Amino acid sequence: MTVTSATIDANTLYSKLTRFEERYAVLVAEDGSEIRWPIKNLPDQIQIGDSVELKINTKKIAEAQVEDEKYANMRKLLEELIN
């Protein structure tokens, strides 16, 4: 995979699916940089021209997000039980 400078908002890269080449989809960021992404790792219904967001997280951040979501679900359940 080739990554050059690209449009980045925090840890998100915004791009567009422009074409398919062999086993790869080519995503082009707003600044013209290209990323080759395995087609098998794309959502099933994606089409050429669709906007794509690529997010990069460390394992530690991803685990914290899962924990936050778990506690939010527990709080929601408790509120439903109280009401």
C-alpha atoms as a PDB file:
ATOM      1  CA  MET A   1       0.000   0.000   0.000  1.00  0.00           C
ATOM      2  CA  THR A   2       1.345   3.428  -0.911  1.00  0.00           C
ATOM      3  CA  VAL A   3       0.508   6.367   1.323  1.00  0.00           C
ATOM      4  CA  THR A   4       1.684   9.897   0.712  1.00  0.00           C
ATOM      5  CA  SER A   5       0.538  13.157   2.251  1.00  0.00           C
ATOM      6  CA  ALA A   6      -3.236  13.449   2.148  1.00  0.00           C
ATOM      7  CA  THR A   7      -6.194  15.335   3.522  1.00  0.00           C
ATOM      8  CA  ILE A   8      -6.384  14.374   7.171  1.00  0.00           C
ATOM      9  CA  ASP A   9      -8.881  15.405   9.850  1.00  0.00           C
ATOM     10  CA  ALA A  10      -7.525  14.142  13.192  1.00  0.00           C
ATOM     11  CA  ASN A  11      -7.051  10.439  12.462  1.00  0.00           C
ATOM     12  CA  THR A  12      -9.355  10.251   9.426  1.00  0.00           C
ATOM     13  CA  LEU A  13      -8.366  10.275   5.761  1.00  0.00           C
ATOM     14  CA  TYR A  14     -11.144  11.309   3.378  1.00  0.00           C
ATOM     15  CA  SER A  15     -10.958   9.880  -0.118  1.00  0.00           C
ATOM     16  CA  LYS A  16     -12.979   8.628  -3.070  1.00  0.00           C
ATOM     17  CA  LEU A  17     -12.990   5.221  -4.744  1.00  0.00           C
ATOM     18  CA  THR A  18     -11.890   5.939  -8.308  1.00  0.00           C
ATOM     19  CA  ARG A  19     -11.182   2.543  -9.858  1.00  0.00           C
ATOM     20  CA  PHE A  20     -10.337  -1.118  -9.391  1.00  0.00           C
ATOM     21  CA  GLU A  21      -6.971  -2.580 -10.422  1.00  0.00           C
ATOM     22  CA  GLU A  22      -6.582  -6.358 -10.189  1.00  0.00           C
ATOM     23  CA  ARG A  23      -7.156  -7.184  -6.488  1.00  0.00           C
ATOM     24  CA  TYR A  24      -7.046  -3.564  -5.336  1.00  0.00           C
ATOM     25  CA  ALA A  25      -9.324  -0.568  -5.150  1.00  0.00           C
ATOM     26  CA  VAL A  26      -7.665   2.780  -5.757  1.00  0.00           C
ATOM     27  CA  LEU A  27      -8.708   5.481  -3.303  1.00  0.00           C
ATOM     28  CA  VAL A  28      -7.773   9.065  -4.126  1.00  0.00           C
ATOM     29  CA  ALA A  29      -7.596  11.739  -1.426  1.00  0.00           C
ATOM     30  CA  GLU A  30      -8.508  15.370  -2.030  1.00  0.00           C
ATOM     31  CA  ASP A  31      -4.850  16.285  -2.588  1.00  0.00           C
ATOM     32  CA  GLY A  32      -4.509  13.617  -5.292  1.00  0.00           C
ATOM     33  CA  SER A  33      -2.553  11.063  -3.268  1.00  0.00           C
ATOM     34  CA  GLU A  34      -3.535   7.451  -3.914  1.00  0.00           C
ATOM     35  CA  ILE A  35      -3.950   4.418  -1.687  1.00  0.00           C
ATOM     36  CA  ARG A  36      -4.325   0.880  -3.024  1.00  0.00           C
ATOM     37  CA  TRP A  37      -6.686  -1.038  -0.728  1.00  0.00           C
ATOM     38  CA  PRO A  38      -7.513  -4.761  -1.014  1.00  0.00           C
ATOM     39  CA  ILE A  39     -10.954  -5.185  -2.599  1.00  0.00           C
ATOM     40  CA  LYS A  40     -11.707  -8.039  -0.183  1.00  0.00           C
ATOM     41  CA  ASN A  41     -11.500  -5.520   2.701  1.00  0.00           C
ATOM     42  CA  LEU A  42     -14.120  -3.159   1.255  1.00  0.00           C
ATOM     43  CA  PRO A  43     -17.830  -3.066   2.141  1.00  0.00           C
ATOM     44  CA  ASP A  44     -19.947  -5.266  -0.167  1.00  0.00           C
ATOM     45  CA  GLN A  45     -22.036  -2.510  -1.767  1.00  0.00           C
ATOM     46  CA  ILE A  46     -19.254   0.025  -2.471  1.00  0.00           C
ATOM     47  CA  GLN A  47     -19.126   1.496  -5.982  1.00  0.00           C
ATOM     48  CA  ILE A  48     -16.766   3.654  -7.989  1.00  0.00           C
ATOM     49  CA  GLY A  49     -17.339   7.280  -7.020  1.00  0.00           C
ATOM     50  CA  ASP A  50     -18.293   6.520  -3.403  1.00  0.00           C
ATOM     51  CA  SER A  51     -16.698   8.607  -0.678  1.00  0.00           C
ATOM     52  CA  VAL A  52     -14.570   6.665   1.791  1.00  0.00           C
ATOM     53  CA  GLU A  53     -13.294   7.479   5.266  1.00  0.00           C
ATOM     54  CA  LEU A  54     -10.201   5.656   6.476  1.00  0.00           C
ATOM     55  CA  LYS A  55      -9.595   5.860  10.221  1.00  0.00           C
ATOM     56  CA  ILE A  56      -6.377   4.958  11.970  1.00  0.00           C
ATOM     57  CA  ASN A  57      -6.386   4.046  15.642  1.00  0.00           C
ATOM     58  CA  THR A  58      -3.968   2.362  17.946  1.00  0.00           C
ATOM     59  CA  LYS A  59      -5.088  -0.834  19.659  1.00  0.00           C
ATOM     60  CA  LYS A  60      -5.265   1.080  22.939  1.00  0.00           C
ATOM     61  CA  ILE A  61      -7.636   3.689  21.479  1.00  0.00           C
ATOM     62  CA  ALA A  62      -9.839   1.027  19.875  1.00  0.00           C
ATOM     63  CA  GLU A  63     -10.107  -0.868  23.175  1.00  0.00           C
ATOM     64  CA  ALA A  64     -11.027   2.348  25.005  1.00  0.00           C
ATOM     65  CA  GLN A  65     -13.755   3.048  22.433  1.00  0.00           C
ATOM     66  CA  VAL A  66     -15.198  -0.444  22.958  1.00  0.00           C
ATOM     67  CA  GLU A  67     -15.201   0.108  26.725  1.00  0.00           C
ATOM     68  CA  ASP A  68     -16.884   3.517  26.339  1.00  0.00           C
ATOM     69  CA  GLU A  69     -19.578   1.976  24.135  1.00  0.00           C
ATOM     70  CA  LYS A  70     -20.112  -0.866  26.592  1.00  0.00           C
ATOM     71  CA  TYR A  71     -20.591   1.552  29.510  1.00  0.00           C
ATOM     72  CA  ALA A  72     -22.911   3.763  27.452  1.00  0.00           C
ATOM     73  CA  ASN A  73     -25.081   0.707  26.707  1.00  0.00           C
ATOM     74  CA  MET A  74     -25.123  -0.234  30.399  1.00  0.00           C
ATOM     75  CA  ARG A  75     -26.146   3.326  31.377  1.00  0.00           C
ATOM     76  CA  LYS A  76     -28.946   3.233  28.816  1.00  0.00           C
ATOM     77  CA  LEU A  77     -30.209  -0.075  30.199  1.00  0.00           C
ATOM     78  CA  LEU A  78     -30.111   1.252  33.766  1.00  0.00           C
ATOM     79  CA  GLU A  79     -32.061   4.373  32.741  1.00  0.00           C
ATOM     80  CA  GLU A  80     -34.682   2.172  31.068  1.00  0.00           C
ATOM     81  CA  LEU A  81     -34.989   0.061  34.222  1.00  0.00           C
ATOM     82  CA  ILE A  82     -35.364   3.149  36.433  1.00  0.00           C
ATOM     83  CA  ASN A  83     -37.980   4.750  34.201  1.00  0.00           C
END
